[in-house]
PDB file of N, CA and C in Angstrom:
ATOM      1  N   MET A   1       1.543  11.336 -22.155  1.00  0.00           N
ATOM      2  CA  MET A   1       0.630  10.673 -21.072  1.00  0.00           C
ATOM      3  C   MET A   1       1.007  11.208 -19.481  1.00  0.00           C
ATOM      4  N   TYR A   2       2.466  11.658 -19.147  1.00  0.00           N
ATOM      5  CA  TYR A   2       2.543  12.067 -17.994  1.00  0.00           C
ATOM      6  C   TYR A   2       2.186  13.224 -17.542  1.00  0.00           C
ATOM      7  N   LYS A   3       2.584  14.288 -19.058  1.00  0.00           N
ATOM      8  CA  LYS A   3       2.223  15.520 -18.848  1.00  0.00           C
ATOM      9  C   LYS A   3       0.342  15.674 -18.209  1.00  0.00           C
ATOM     10  N   TYR A   4      -0.195  14.819 -19.157  1.00  0.00           N
ATOM     11  CA  TYR A   4      -1.612  14.750 -18.974  1.00  0.00           C
ATOM     12  C   TYR A   4      -1.816  14.713 -17.250  1.00  0.00           C
ATOM     13  N   LEU A   5      -1.033  14.157 -16.943  1.00  0.00           N
ATOM     14  CA  LEU A   5      -1.278  13.077 -15.759  1.00  0.00           C
ATOM     15  C   LEU A   5      -0.905  14.356 -14.199  1.00  0.00           C
ATOM     16  N   ILE A   6       0.644  14.834 -14.811  1.00  0.00           N
ATOM     17  CA  ILE A   6       0.678  15.928 -13.867  1.00  0.00           C
ATOM     18  C   ILE A   6      -0.697  16.755 -13.689  1.00  0.00           C
ATOM     19  N   ILE A   7      -0.828  17.358 -14.830  1.00  0.00           N
ATOM     20  CA  ILE A   7      -2.021  18.337 -15.032  1.00  0.00           C
ATOM     21  C   ILE A   7      -2.939  18.149 -14.203  1.00  0.00           C
ATOM     22  N   PHE A   8      -3.283  16.907 -14.395  1.00  0.00           N
ATOM     23  CA  PHE A   8      -5.166  15.889 -13.558  1.00  0.00           C
ATOM     24  C   PHE A   8      -4.328  16.020 -12.380  1.00  0.00           C
ATOM     25  N   TYR A   9      -3.479  15.848 -12.133  1.00  0.00           N
ATOM     26  CA  TYR A   9      -3.113  15.542 -10.363  1.00  0.00           C
ATOM     27  C   TYR A   9      -3.386  16.926  -9.656  1.00  0.00           C
ATOM     28  N   SER A  10      -2.256  18.035 -10.902  1.00  0.00           N
ATOM     29  CA  SER A  10      -2.423  19.823 -10.168  1.00  0.00           C
ATOM     30  C   SER A  10      -3.519  20.102  -9.907  1.00  0.00           C
ATOM     31  N   VAL A  11      -4.746  19.648 -10.787  1.00  0.00           N
ATOM     32  CA  VAL A  11      -6.130  20.300 -10.624  1.00  0.00           C
ATOM     33  C   VAL A  11      -6.909  19.273  -9.554  1.00  0.00           C
ATOM     34  N   MET A  12      -6.274  18.282  -9.157  1.00  0.00           N
ATOM     35  CA  MET A  12      -7.428  17.481  -8.528  1.00  0.00           C
ATOM     36  C   MET A  12      -6.872  18.512  -7.029  1.00  0.00           C
ATOM     37  N   LEU A  13      -5.543  18.620  -7.034  1.00  0.00           N
ATOM     38  CA  LEU A  13      -4.815  19.420  -5.826  1.00  0.00           C
ATOM     39  C   LEU A  13      -5.582  20.329  -5.775  1.00  0.00           C
ATOM     40  N   LEU A  14      -5.635  20.947  -6.476  1.00  0.00           N
ATOM     41  CA  LEU A  14      -6.377  22.637  -6.259  1.00  0.00           C
ATOM     42  C   LEU A  14      -7.498  22.295  -5.286  1.00  0.00           C
ATOM     43  N   VAL A  15      -8.541  21.319  -6.679  1.00  0.00           N
ATOM     44  CA  VAL A  15      -9.834  21.627  -5.975  1.00  0.00           C
ATOM     45  C   VAL A  15      -9.654  21.012  -4.604  1.00  0.00           C
ATOM     46  N   LEU A  16      -8.675  19.058  -4.247  1.00  0.00           N
ATOM     47  CA  LEU A  16      -9.204  19.330  -2.854  1.00  0.00           C
ATOM     48  C   LEU A  16      -8.563  20.566  -1.883  1.00  0.00           C
ATOM     49  N   HIS A  17      -7.611  20.675  -2.009  1.00  0.00           N
ATOM     50  CA  HIS A  17      -7.521  22.529  -1.188  1.00  0.00           C
ATOM     51  C   HIS A  17      -8.383  23.464  -1.261  1.00  0.00           C
ATOM     52  N   VAL A  18      -9.353  23.372  -2.024  1.00  0.00           N
ATOM     53  CA  VAL A  18     -10.016  24.355  -1.725  1.00  0.00           C
ATOM     54  C   VAL A  18     -11.983  24.177  -1.997  1.00  0.00           C
ATOM     55  N   PHE A  19     -12.013  22.695  -2.082  1.00  0.00           N
ATOM     56  CA  PHE A  19     -13.524  22.568  -2.199  1.00  0.00           C
ATOM     57  C   PHE A  19     -13.893  22.106   0.334  1.00  0.00           C
ATOM     58  N   PRO A  20     -15.241  22.432   0.545  1.00  0.00           N
ATOM     59  CA  PRO A  20     -14.730  22.318   1.957  1.00  0.00           C
ATOM     60  C   PRO A  20     -15.215  20.539   2.326  1.00  0.00           C
ATOM     61  N   VAL A  21     -14.418  20.409   2.797  1.00  0.00           N
ATOM     62  CA  VAL A  21     -14.598  19.107   3.338  1.00  0.00           C
ATOM     63  C   VAL A  21     -15.233  18.820   4.753  1.00  0.00           C
ATOM     64  N   GLY A  22     -16.047  19.496   5.304  1.00  0.00           N
ATOM     65  CA  GLY A  22     -16.781  19.092   6.935  1.00  0.00           C
ATOM     66  C   GLY A  22     -16.342  18.055   7.579  1.00  0.00           C
ATOM     67  N   PHE A  23     -16.878  16.999   7.783  1.00  0.00           N
ATOM     68  CA  PHE A  23     -16.563  16.017   8.710  1.00  0.00           C
ATOM     69  C   PHE A  23     -15.531  15.597   8.546  1.00  0.00           C
ATOM     70  N   ILE A  24     -14.768  15.000   7.380  1.00  0.00           N
ATOM     71  CA  ILE A  24     -13.334  14.228   7.353  1.00  0.00           C
ATOM     72  C   ILE A  24     -12.845  15.318   7.527  1.00  0.00           C
ATOM     73  N   GLY A  25     -12.300  17.068   7.148  1.00  0.00           N
ATOM     74  CA  GLY A  25     -11.405  17.812   7.455  1.00  0.00           C
ATOM     75  C   GLY A  25     -11.734  17.797   9.156  1.00  0.00           C
ATOM     76  N   ASN A  26     -12.822  18.036  10.502  1.00  0.00           N
ATOM     77  CA  ASN A  26     -12.599  17.773  11.297  1.00  0.00           C
ATOM     78  C   ASN A  26     -11.841  16.147  11.853  1.00  0.00           C
ATOM     79  N   THR A  27     -12.145  15.379  11.284  1.00  0.00           N
ATOM     80  CA  THR A  27     -12.046  14.448  12.092  1.00  0.00           C
ATOM     81  C   THR A  27     -10.179  14.164  12.104  1.00  0.00           C
ATOM     82  N   LEU A  28      -9.790  14.706  10.621  1.00  0.00           N
ATOM     83  CA  LEU A  28      -8.298  14.576  10.820  1.00  0.00           C
ATOM     84  C   LEU A  28      -7.326  16.147  11.541  1.00  0.00           C
ATOM     85  N   ARG A  29      -8.391  16.964  11.908  1.00  0.00           N
ATOM     86  CA  ARG A  29      -7.708  17.955  12.905  1.00  0.00           C
ATOM     87  C   ARG A  29      -7.909  17.021  14.235  1.00  0.00           C
ATOM     88  N   ASP A  30      -8.833  16.765  14.746  1.00  0.00           N
ATOM     89  CA  ASP A  30      -8.456  16.032  15.330  1.00  0.00           C
ATOM     90  C   ASP A  30      -8.096  14.833  16.179  1.00  0.00           C
ATOM     91  N   THR A  31      -7.570  14.607  14.613  1.00  0.00           N
ATOM     92  CA  THR A  31      -6.988  12.760  14.929  1.00  0.00           C
ATOM     93  C   THR A  31      -4.905  13.625  15.313  1.00  0.00           C
ATOM     94  N   GLN A  32      -4.770  12.543  15.980  1.00  0.00           N
ATOM     95  CA  GLN A  32      -3.084  12.877  16.626  1.00  0.00           C
ATOM     96  C   GLN A  32      -1.524  12.268  15.794  1.00  0.00           C
ATOM     97  N   ILE A  33      -1.039  12.252  15.274  1.00  0.00           N
ATOM     98  CA  ILE A  33      -0.107  11.451  14.987  1.00  0.00           C
ATOM     99  C   ILE A  33       1.446  11.600  15.612  1.00  0.00           C
ATOM    100  N   TRP A  34       2.475  11.310  16.145  1.00  0.00           N
ATOM    101  CA  TRP A  34       3.250  12.162  16.540  1.00  0.00           C
ATOM    102  C   TRP A  34       3.484  13.341  16.868  1.00  0.00           C
ATOM    103  N   PHE A  35       2.635  13.977  17.641  1.00  0.00           N
ATOM    104  CA  PHE A  35       2.179  15.305  17.863  1.00  0.00           C
ATOM    105  C   PHE A  35       1.704  16.435  17.408  1.00  0.00           C
ATOM    106  N   VAL A  36       1.349  15.763  15.800  1.00  0.00           N
ATOM    107  CA  VAL A  36       1.011  16.552  14.202  1.00  0.00           C
ATOM    108  C   VAL A  36      -0.477  15.689  13.885  1.00  0.00           C
ATOM    109  N   SER A  37      -1.383  16.543  13.416  1.00  0.00           N
ATOM    110  CA  SER A  37      -2.292  16.500  13.251  1.00  0.00           C
ATOM    111  C   SER A  37      -2.748  15.620  12.055  1.00  0.00           C
ATOM    112  N   ALA A  38      -3.613  14.786  11.899  1.00  0.00           N
ATOM    113  CA  ALA A  38      -3.627  14.156  10.672  1.00  0.00           C
ATOM    114  C   ALA A  38      -3.999  14.357   9.652  1.00  0.00           C
ATOM    115  N   ASP A  39      -4.481  15.986   9.565  1.00  0.00           N
ATOM    116  CA  ASP A  39      -5.122  17.217   8.717  1.00  0.00           C
ATOM    117  C   ASP A  39      -2.986  17.527   8.182  1.00  0.00           C
ATOM    118  N   THR A  40      -2.236  17.918   9.030  1.00  0.00           N
ATOM    119  CA  THR A  40      -1.145  18.619   8.378  1.00  0.00           C
ATOM    120  C   THR A  40      -0.130  17.033   7.942  1.00  0.00           C
ATOM    121  N   LEU A  41      -0.192  16.293   8.695  1.00  0.00           N
ATOM    122  CA  LEU A  41       0.279  14.748   7.806  1.00  0.00           C
ATOM    123  C   LEU A  41      -0.118  14.772   6.599  1.00  0.00           C
ATOM    124  N   SER A  42      -1.394  14.768   6.334  1.00  0.00           N
ATOM    125  CA  SER A  42      -1.411  14.432   5.049  1.00  0.00           C
ATOM    126  C   SER A  42      -1.882  15.342   3.635  1.00  0.00           C
ATOM    127  N   HIS A  43      -1.151  16.960   4.684  1.00  0.00           N
ATOM    128  CA  HIS A  43      -0.789  17.725   3.130  1.00  0.00           C
ATOM    129  C   HIS A  43       0.850  17.127   2.474  1.00  0.00           C
ATOM    130  N   THR A  44       1.437  16.516   3.521  1.00  0.00           N
ATOM    131  CA  THR A  44       2.820  15.777   3.232  1.00  0.00           C
ATOM    132  C   THR A  44       1.943  14.539   2.018  1.00  0.00           C
ATOM    133  N   ILE A  45       1.520  13.473   2.267  1.00  0.00           N
ATOM    134  CA  ILE A  45       1.070  12.813   1.662  1.00  0.00           C
ATOM    135  C   ILE A  45       0.794  13.546   0.446  1.00  0.00           C
ATOM    136  N   ILE A  46      -0.195  14.020   0.438  1.00  0.00           N
ATOM    137  CA  ILE A  46      -0.373  14.646  -1.304  1.00  0.00           C
ATOM    138  C   ILE A  46       0.330  15.294  -1.896  1.00  0.00           C
ATOM    139  N   PHE A  47       0.987  15.554  -1.962  1.00  0.00           N
ATOM    140  CA  PHE A  47       1.856  16.345  -2.587  1.00  0.00           C
ATOM    141  C   PHE A  47       3.364  14.969  -3.213  1.00  0.00           C
ATOM    142  N   LEU A  48       3.056  14.219  -1.942  1.00  0.00           N
ATOM    143  CA  LEU A  48       4.874  13.500  -2.507  1.00  0.00           C
ATOM    144  C   LEU A  48       4.380  13.210  -3.623  1.00  0.00           C
ATOM    145  N   PRO A  49       4.025  12.507  -4.575  1.00  0.00           N
ATOM    146  CA  PRO A  49       3.368  12.050  -5.456  1.00  0.00           C
ATOM    147  C   PRO A  49       3.998  13.097  -6.376  1.00  0.00           C
ATOM    148  N   TRP A  50       4.292  14.223  -6.289  1.00  0.00           N
ATOM    149  CA  TRP A  50       4.287  15.444  -6.966  1.00  0.00           C
ATOM    150  C   TRP A  50       5.787  15.302  -8.410  1.00  0.00           C
ATOM    151  N   MET A  51       6.869  14.764  -7.891  1.00  0.00           N
ATOM    152  CA  MET A  51       7.804  14.799  -7.885  1.00  0.00           C
ATOM    153  C   MET A  51       8.503  13.229  -8.839  1.00  0.00           C
ATOM    154  N   VAL A  52       7.538  12.438  -7.802  1.00  0.00           N
ATOM    155  CA  VAL A  52       7.404  11.007  -8.809  1.00  0.00           C
ATOM    156  C   VAL A  52       6.713  10.905  -9.787  1.00  0.00           C
ATOM    157  N   ILE A  53       6.160  11.350  -9.939  1.00  0.00           N
ATOM    158  CA  ILE A  53       5.024  11.490 -11.378  1.00  0.00           C
ATOM    159  C   ILE A  53       6.512  11.738 -11.881  1.00  0.00           C
ATOM    160  N   GLY A  54       7.104  12.923 -12.598  1.00  0.00           N
ATOM    161  CA  GLY A  54       8.266  13.627 -12.795  1.00  0.00           C
ATOM    162  C   GLY A  54       9.138  12.439 -13.277  1.00  0.00           C
ATOM    163  N   TRP A  55       9.494  12.373 -12.278  1.00  0.00           N
ATOM    164  CA  TRP A  55      10.591  11.000 -12.415  1.00  0.00           C
ATOM    165  C   TRP A  55      10.069  10.088 -13.613  1.00  0.00           C
ATOM    166  N   ILE A  56       8.905   9.166 -13.331  1.00  0.00           N
ATOM    167  CA  ILE A  56       8.895   8.603 -14.122  1.00  0.00           C
ATOM    168  C   ILE A  56       9.088   8.820 -15.663  1.00  0.00           C
ATOM    169  N   TYR A  57       8.290  10.198 -15.927  1.00  0.00           N
ATOM    170  CA  TYR A  57       8.275  10.915 -16.928  1.00  0.00           C
ATOM    171  C   TYR A  57       9.431  10.846 -17.487  1.00  0.00           C
ATOM    172  N   LEU A  58      10.501  11.501 -16.763  1.00  0.00           N
ATOM    173  CA  LEU A  58      11.953  11.581 -16.947  1.00  0.00           C
ATOM    174  C   LEU A  58      12.473  10.205 -17.407  1.00  0.00           C
ATOM    175  N   ASN A  59      12.501   9.305 -17.129  1.00  0.00           N
ATOM    176  CA  ASN A  59      12.935   8.299 -16.903  1.00  0.00           C
ATOM    177  C   ASN A  59      12.372   7.632 -18.343  1.00  0.00           C
ATOM    178  N   ARG A  60      10.725   7.656 -18.759  1.00  0.00           N
ATOM    179  CA  ARG A  60      10.481   6.750 -19.939  1.00  0.00           C
ATOM    180  C   ARG A  60      10.616   7.940 -21.504  1.00  0.00           C
ATOM    181  N   SER A  61      11.053   9.519 -21.040  1.00  0.00           N
ATOM    182  CA  SER A  61      11.000   9.893 -22.379  1.00  0.00           C
ATOM    183  C   SER A  61      13.293   9.904 -22.150  1.00  0.00           C
ATOM    184  N   ARG A  62      13.463  10.161 -21.684  1.00  0.00           N
ATOM    185  CA  ARG A  62      15.185   9.419 -21.664  1.00  0.00           C
ATOM    186  C   ARG A  62      15.725  10.728 -21.770  1.00  0.00           C
ATOM    187  N   ILE A  63      15.187  12.098 -20.968  1.00  0.00           N
ATOM    188  CA  ILE A  63      15.831  12.377 -21.160  1.00  0.00           C
ATOM    189  C   ILE A  63      17.095  12.308 -19.616  1.00  0.00           C
ATOM    190  N   HIS A  64      18.133  13.282 -20.594  1.00  0.00           N
ATOM    191  CA  HIS A  64      19.598  12.986 -19.237  1.00  0.00           C
ATOM    192  C   HIS A  64      20.385  14.761 -19.763  1.00  0.00           C
ATOM    193  N   GLY A  65      21.373  14.785 -18.880  1.00  0.00           N
ATOM    194  CA  GLY A  65      22.713  15.395 -18.340  1.00  0.00           C
ATOM    195  C   GLY A  65      21.782  16.667 -18.417  1.00  0.00           C
ATOM    196  N   LYS A  66      21.999  17.733 -19.047  1.00  0.00           N
ATOM    197  CA  LYS A  66      21.696  19.322 -18.177  1.00  0.00           C
ATOM    198  C   LYS A  66      20.460  19.398 -18.631  1.00  0.00           C
ATOM    199  N   LYS A  67      19.441  18.704 -19.623  1.00  0.00           N
ATOM    200  CA  LYS A  67      17.952  19.468 -19.655  1.00  0.00           C
ATOM    201  C   LYS A  67      17.269  18.729 -18.509  1.00  0.00           C
ATOM    202  N   ARG A  68      17.697  17.183 -18.389  1.00  0.00           N
ATOM    203  CA  ARG A  68      17.152  16.184 -17.178  1.00  0.00           C
ATOM    204  C   ARG A  68      17.300  17.046 -15.449  1.00  0.00           C
ATOM    205  N   VAL A  69      18.333  18.474 -15.253  1.00  0.00           N
ATOM    206  CA  VAL A  69      18.374  18.984 -14.142  1.00  0.00           C
ATOM    207  C   VAL A  69      17.381  20.041 -13.635  1.00  0.00           C
ATOM    208  N   GLN A  70      17.578  21.077 -15.442  1.00  0.00           N
ATOM    209  CA  GLN A  70      16.467  21.641 -15.619  1.00  0.00           C
ATOM    210  C   GLN A  70      14.954  21.899 -15.766  1.00  0.00           C
ATOM    211  N   TYR A  71      14.793  20.479 -15.863  1.00  0.00           N
ATOM    212  CA  TYR A  71      13.255  19.978 -15.881  1.00  0.00           C
ATOM    213  C   TYR A  71      13.315  19.489 -13.949  1.00  0.00           C
ATOM    214  N   ALA A  72      13.740  18.831 -13.929  1.00  0.00           N
ATOM    215  CA  ALA A  72      13.955  18.119 -12.325  1.00  0.00           C
ATOM    216  C   ALA A  72      13.447  19.660 -11.444  1.00  0.00           C
ATOM    217  N   LEU A  73      14.040  20.824 -11.621  1.00  0.00           N
ATOM    218  CA  LEU A  73      14.630  22.096 -10.959  1.00  0.00           C
ATOM    219  C   LEU A  73      12.647  22.911 -11.475  1.00  0.00           C
ATOM    220  N   ARG A  74      12.355  23.096 -12.335  1.00  0.00           N
ATOM    221  CA  ARG A  74      11.394  23.784 -12.768  1.00  0.00           C
ATOM    222  C   ARG A  74       9.989  23.072 -12.180  1.00  0.00           C
ATOM    223  N   LEU A  75       9.972  21.507 -11.994  1.00  0.00           N
ATOM    224  CA  LEU A  75       9.310  20.558 -12.408  1.00  0.00           C
ATOM    225  C   LEU A  75       9.331  20.817 -10.361  1.00  0.00           C
ATOM    226  N   PHE A  76      10.884  21.164  -9.191  1.00  0.00           N
ATOM    227  CA  PHE A  76      10.449  20.841  -8.034  1.00  0.00           C
ATOM    228  C   PHE A  76       9.356  22.373  -7.542  1.00  0.00           C
ATOM    229  N   TYR A  77      10.218  23.553  -8.276  1.00  0.00           N
ATOM    230  CA  TYR A  77       9.802  24.729  -8.152  1.00  0.00           C
ATOM    231  C   TYR A  77       7.843  25.284  -8.385  1.00  0.00           C
ATOM    232  N   ALA A  78       7.727  24.255  -9.401  1.00  0.00           N
ATOM    233  CA  ALA A  78       6.134  24.200 -10.008  1.00  0.00           C
ATOM    234  C   ALA A  78       5.287  23.758  -8.191  1.00  0.00           C
ATOM    235  N   GLY A  79       5.929  22.810  -8.420  1.00  0.00           N
ATOM    236  CA  GLY A  79       5.444  22.230  -7.221  1.00  0.00           C
ATOM    237  C   GLY A  79       5.071  22.830  -5.871  1.00  0.00           C
ATOM    238  N   VAL A  80       6.414  23.485  -5.324  1.00  0.00           N
ATOM    239  CA  VAL A  80       6.989  24.252  -4.078  1.00  0.00           C
ATOM    240  C   VAL A  80       5.960  25.454  -4.355  1.00  0.00           C
ATOM    241  N   VAL A  81       5.315  25.834  -5.874  1.00  0.00           N
ATOM    242  CA  VAL A  81       5.000  27.043  -5.883  1.00  0.00           C
ATOM    243  C   VAL A  81       3.193  26.757  -6.069  1.00  0.00           C
ATOM    244  N   LEU A  82       2.647  25.763  -6.558  1.00  0.00           N
ATOM    245  CA  LEU A  82       1.523  25.063  -6.375  1.00  0.00           C
ATOM    246  C   LEU A  82       1.084  24.297  -5.125  1.00  0.00           C
ATOM    247  N   ALA A  83       1.746  24.251  -4.034  1.00  0.00           N
ATOM    248  CA  ALA A  83       2.080  23.892  -2.694  1.00  0.00           C
ATOM    249  C   ALA A  83       1.049  24.972  -1.818  1.00  0.00           C
ATOM    250  N   LEU A  84       2.276  25.875  -2.263  1.00  0.00           N
ATOM    251  CA  LEU A  84       1.881  27.133  -0.959  1.00  0.00           C
ATOM    252  C   LEU A  84       0.976  27.639  -1.564  1.00  0.00           C
ATOM    253  N   PHE A  85       0.323  28.324  -3.253  1.00  0.00           N
ATOM    254  CA  PHE A  85      -0.910  28.528  -4.399  1.00  0.00           C
ATOM    255  C   PHE A  85      -1.977  27.717  -3.367  1.00  0.00           C
ATOM    256  N   ALA A  86      -2.004  26.269  -3.067  1.00  0.00           N
ATOM    257  CA  ALA A  86      -3.359  25.593  -2.743  1.00  0.00           C
ATOM    258  C   ALA A  86      -3.463  25.837  -1.813  1.00  0.00           C
ATOM    259  N   GLU A  87      -2.918  25.908   0.089  1.00  0.00           N
ATOM    260  CA  GLU A  87      -2.509  26.530   1.165  1.00  0.00           C
ATOM    261  C   GLU A  87      -3.298  28.462   1.233  1.00  0.00           C
ATOM    262  N   GLY A  88      -2.465  28.621   0.597  1.00  0.00           N
ATOM    263  CA  GLY A  88      -2.476  30.323   0.204  1.00  0.00           C
ATOM    264  C   GLY A  88      -4.451  30.610   0.050  1.00  0.00           C
ATOM    265  N   ILE A  89      -4.475  30.224  -1.289  1.00  0.00           N
ATOM    266  CA  ILE A  89      -6.115  30.137  -1.685  1.00  0.00           C
ATOM    267  C   ILE A  89      -7.171  30.169  -0.189  1.00  0.00           C
ATOM    268  N   GLN A  90      -6.851  29.181   0.882  1.00  0.00           N
ATOM    269  CA  GLN A  90      -7.750  28.927   1.291  1.00  0.00           C
ATOM    270  C   GLN A  90      -7.592  30.302   2.744  1.00  0.00           C
ATOM    271  N   TYR A  91      -7.106  31.143   1.949  1.00  0.00           N
ATOM    272  CA  TYR A  91      -6.444  32.277   3.125  1.00  0.00           C
ATOM    273  C   TYR A  91      -7.891  33.341   3.220  1.00  0.00           C
ATOM    274  N   PHE A  92      -8.126  33.272   1.593  1.00  0.00           N
ATOM    275  CA  PHE A  92      -9.520  33.869   1.335  1.00  0.00           C
ATOM    276  C   PHE A  92     -10.930  32.868   0.982  1.00  0.00           C
ATOM    277  N   LEU A  93     -10.985  31.598   1.335  1.00  0.00           N
ATOM    278  CA  LEU A  93     -12.341  31.006   1.346  1.00  0.00           C
ATOM    279  C   LEU A  93     -12.787  31.230   2.766  1.00  0.00           C
ATOM    280  N   PRO A  94     -13.840  31.629   2.856  1.00  0.00           N
ATOM    281  CA  PRO A  94     -14.478  31.623   4.606  1.00  0.00           C
ATOM    282  C   PRO A  94     -14.744  30.193   5.063  1.00  0.00           C
ATOM    283  N   TYR A  95     -14.916  29.225   4.631  1.00  0.00           N
ATOM    284  CA  TYR A  95     -15.067  27.985   4.506  1.00  0.00           C
ATOM    285  C   TYR A  95     -13.498  27.386   5.304  1.00  0.00           C
ATOM    286  N   ARG A  96     -13.204  27.440   4.613  1.00  0.00           N
ATOM    287  CA  ARG A  96     -11.568  27.096   4.413  1.00  0.00           C
ATOM    288  C   ARG A  96     -10.656  27.535   5.552  1.00  0.00           C
ATOM    289  N   SER A  97      -9.337  27.245   6.296  1.00  0.00           N
ATOM    290  CA  SER A  97      -8.290  27.750   7.120  1.00  0.00           C
ATOM    291  C   SER A  97      -7.425  28.175   6.538  1.00  0.00           C
ATOM    292  N   PHE A  98      -6.390  29.010   7.142  1.00  0.00           N
ATOM    293  CA  PHE A  98      -5.081  28.999   6.489  1.00  0.00           C
ATOM    294  C   PHE A  98      -4.515  28.603   7.251  1.00  0.00           C
ATOM    295  N   SER A  99      -3.620  27.979   6.805  1.00  0.00           N
ATOM    296  CA  SER A  99      -2.314  27.150   7.763  1.00  0.00           C
ATOM    297  C   SER A  99      -1.234  27.315   7.434  1.00  0.00           C
ATOM    298  N   PRO A 100      -0.161  28.426   7.842  1.00  0.00           N
ATOM    299  CA  PRO A 100       1.485  28.122   7.326  1.00  0.00           C
ATOM    300  C   PRO A 100       1.741  26.872   8.353  1.00  0.00           C
ATOM    301  N   VAL A 101       1.496  26.047   8.970  1.00  0.00           N
ATOM    302  CA  VAL A 101       2.005  24.920   8.702  1.00  0.00           C
ATOM    303  C   VAL A 101       1.281  23.498   7.851  1.00  0.00           C
ATOM    304  N   ASP A 102       0.728  23.524   7.200  1.00  0.00           N
ATOM    305  CA  ASP A 102      -0.464  23.206   6.616  1.00  0.00           C
ATOM    306  C   ASP A 102       0.803  23.335   5.513  1.00  0.00           C
ATOM    307  N   ALA A 103       1.196  24.568   5.513  1.00  0.00           N
ATOM    308  CA  ALA A 103       2.153  25.020   3.660  1.00  0.00           C
ATOM    309  C   ALA A 103       3.201  24.229   3.968  1.00  0.00           C
ATOM    310  N   LEU A 104       3.984  24.701   5.330  1.00  0.00           N
ATOM    311  CA  LEU A 104       5.107  24.042   5.240  1.00  0.00           C
ATOM    312  C   LEU A 104       4.908  21.869   4.914  1.00  0.00           C
ATOM    313  N   PHE A 105       4.352  21.974   5.396  1.00  0.00           N
ATOM    314  CA  PHE A 105       3.846  19.990   5.615  1.00  0.00           C
ATOM    315  C   PHE A 105       3.832  19.444   3.558  1.00  0.00           C
ATOM    316  N   SER A 106       2.901  20.839   3.399  1.00  0.00           N
ATOM    317  CA  SER A 106       2.616  20.414   1.921  1.00  0.00           C
ATOM    318  C   SER A 106       4.573  20.380   1.453  1.00  0.00           C
ATOM    319  N   VAL A 107       5.292  21.778   1.169  1.00  0.00           N
ATOM    320  CA  VAL A 107       6.273  21.917   0.485  1.00  0.00           C
ATOM    321  C   VAL A 107       6.874  20.408   1.658  1.00  0.00           C
ATOM    322  N   ALA A 108       6.837  20.193   1.892  1.00  0.00           N
ATOM    323  CA  ALA A 108       7.572  19.187   3.096  1.00  0.00           C
ATOM    324  C   ALA A 108       7.131  17.595   2.261  1.00  0.00           C
ATOM    325  N   GLY A 109       6.290  17.707   1.260  1.00  0.00           N
ATOM    326  CA  GLY A 109       5.907  16.763   0.063  1.00  0.00           C
ATOM    327  C   GLY A 109       6.517  16.503  -0.864  1.00  0.00           C
ATOM    328  N   VAL A 110       6.935  17.835  -0.837  1.00  0.00           N
ATOM    329  CA  VAL A 110       7.923  17.969  -2.657  1.00  0.00           C
ATOM    330  C   VAL A 110       8.930  17.510  -2.674  1.00  0.00           C
ATOM    331  N   VAL A 111       9.262  18.228  -1.281  1.00  0.00           N
ATOM    332  CA  VAL A 111      10.787  17.905  -0.946  1.00  0.00           C
ATOM    333  C   VAL A 111      10.934  15.946  -0.663  1.00  0.00           C
ATOM    334  N   LEU A 112      10.549  15.399  -0.373  1.00  0.00           N
ATOM    335  CA  LEU A 112      10.299  14.717   0.108  1.00  0.00           C
ATOM    336  C   LEU A 112      10.336  13.500  -1.555  1.00  0.00           C
ATOM    337  N   GLY A 113       9.039  14.002  -2.624  1.00  0.00           N
ATOM    338  CA  GLY A 113       9.325  13.342  -3.931  1.00  0.00           C
ATOM    339  C   GLY A 113      10.603  13.383  -4.125  1.00  0.00           C
ATOM    340  N   SER A 114      11.322  14.833  -3.865  1.00  0.00           N
ATOM    341  CA  SER A 114      12.254  15.169  -4.833  1.00  0.00           C
ATOM    342  C   SER A 114      13.446  13.408  -4.135  1.00  0.00           C
ATOM    343  N   VAL A 115      13.508  13.819  -3.157  1.00  0.00           N
ATOM    344  CA  VAL A 115      14.514  12.796  -2.378  1.00  0.00           C
ATOM    345  C   VAL A 115      14.246  11.160  -3.125  1.00  0.00           C
ATOM    346  N   VAL A 116      13.100  10.938  -3.733  1.00  0.00           N
ATOM    347  CA  VAL A 116      12.493   9.875  -4.782  1.00  0.00           C
ATOM    348  C   VAL A 116      13.356  10.072  -6.005  1.00  0.00           C
ATOM    349  N   PHE A 117      12.952  11.210  -6.934  1.00  0.00           N
ATOM    350  CA  PHE A 117      13.075  11.545  -7.422  1.00  0.00           C
ATOM    351  C   PHE A 117      15.039  11.586  -7.991  1.00  0.00           C
ATOM    352  N   LEU A 118      15.549  11.854  -6.855  1.00  0.00           N
ATOM    353  CA  LEU A 118      16.823  12.110  -7.374  1.00  0.00           C
ATOM    354  C   LEU A 118      17.545  10.617  -6.997  1.00  0.00           C
ATOM    355  N   ALA A 119      16.719   9.839  -6.529  1.00  0.00           N
ATOM    356  CA  ALA A 119      17.837   8.596  -6.379  1.00  0.00           C
ATOM    357  C   ALA A 119      17.710   7.742  -7.683  1.00  0.00           C
ATOM    358  N   LYS A 120      18.774   7.260  -7.586  1.00  0.00           N
ATOM    359  CA  LYS A 120      19.335   7.123  -8.763  1.00  0.00           C
ATOM    360  C   LYS A 120      18.717   5.320  -9.600  1.00  0.00           C
ATOM    361  N   PRO A 121      17.953   5.931 -10.719  1.00  0.00           N
ATOM    362  CA  PRO A 121      16.636   4.588 -11.374  1.00  0.00           C
ATOM    363  C   PRO A 121      17.732   3.673 -11.169  1.00  0.00           C
ATOM    364  N   GLY A 122      16.903   2.473 -10.870  1.00  0.00           N
ATOM    365  CA  GLY A 122      17.159   1.065 -10.200  1.00  0.00           C
ATOM    366  C   GLY A 122      17.379   0.575  -9.631  1.00  0.00           C
ATOM    367  N   ARG A 123      17.869   1.391  -9.124  1.00  0.00           N
ATOM    368  CA  ARG A 123      17.954   1.247  -7.636  1.00  0.00           C
ATOM    369  C   ARG A 123      17.203   0.445  -6.716  1.00  0.00           C
ATOM    370  N   TRP A 124      16.060   0.550  -7.098  1.00  0.00           N
ATOM    371  CA  TRP A 124      14.540  -0.035  -6.541  1.00  0.00           C
ATOM    372  C   TRP A 124      14.133  -0.654  -7.230  1.00  0.00           C
TER     373      TRP A 124
END
């Protein structure tokens, strides 16, 4: 079930990055939070669950040892590639704008999700 969730989540991330956002995108770009636009921070937030879903999957499937580390690394790399691809595709769309800062914050979302992923299960 979690594999389908990660596939669905990936497709939704790509749709969000390709679909024209209109007034919502302008509102997010105009709003500043800690000297960063809300649009840029939203990239971190939408990529944060990537590794959390993987963490839940691993705990449910009881994957341990070397396989767990391999799966976690593959999931991490896939998240980074997805984050860069989702932002990079905007370079070719006339109604969207590519931003290296957005790409960086998307990858930061995957990294922050990894911190949650690497936290010892049962700690929370």
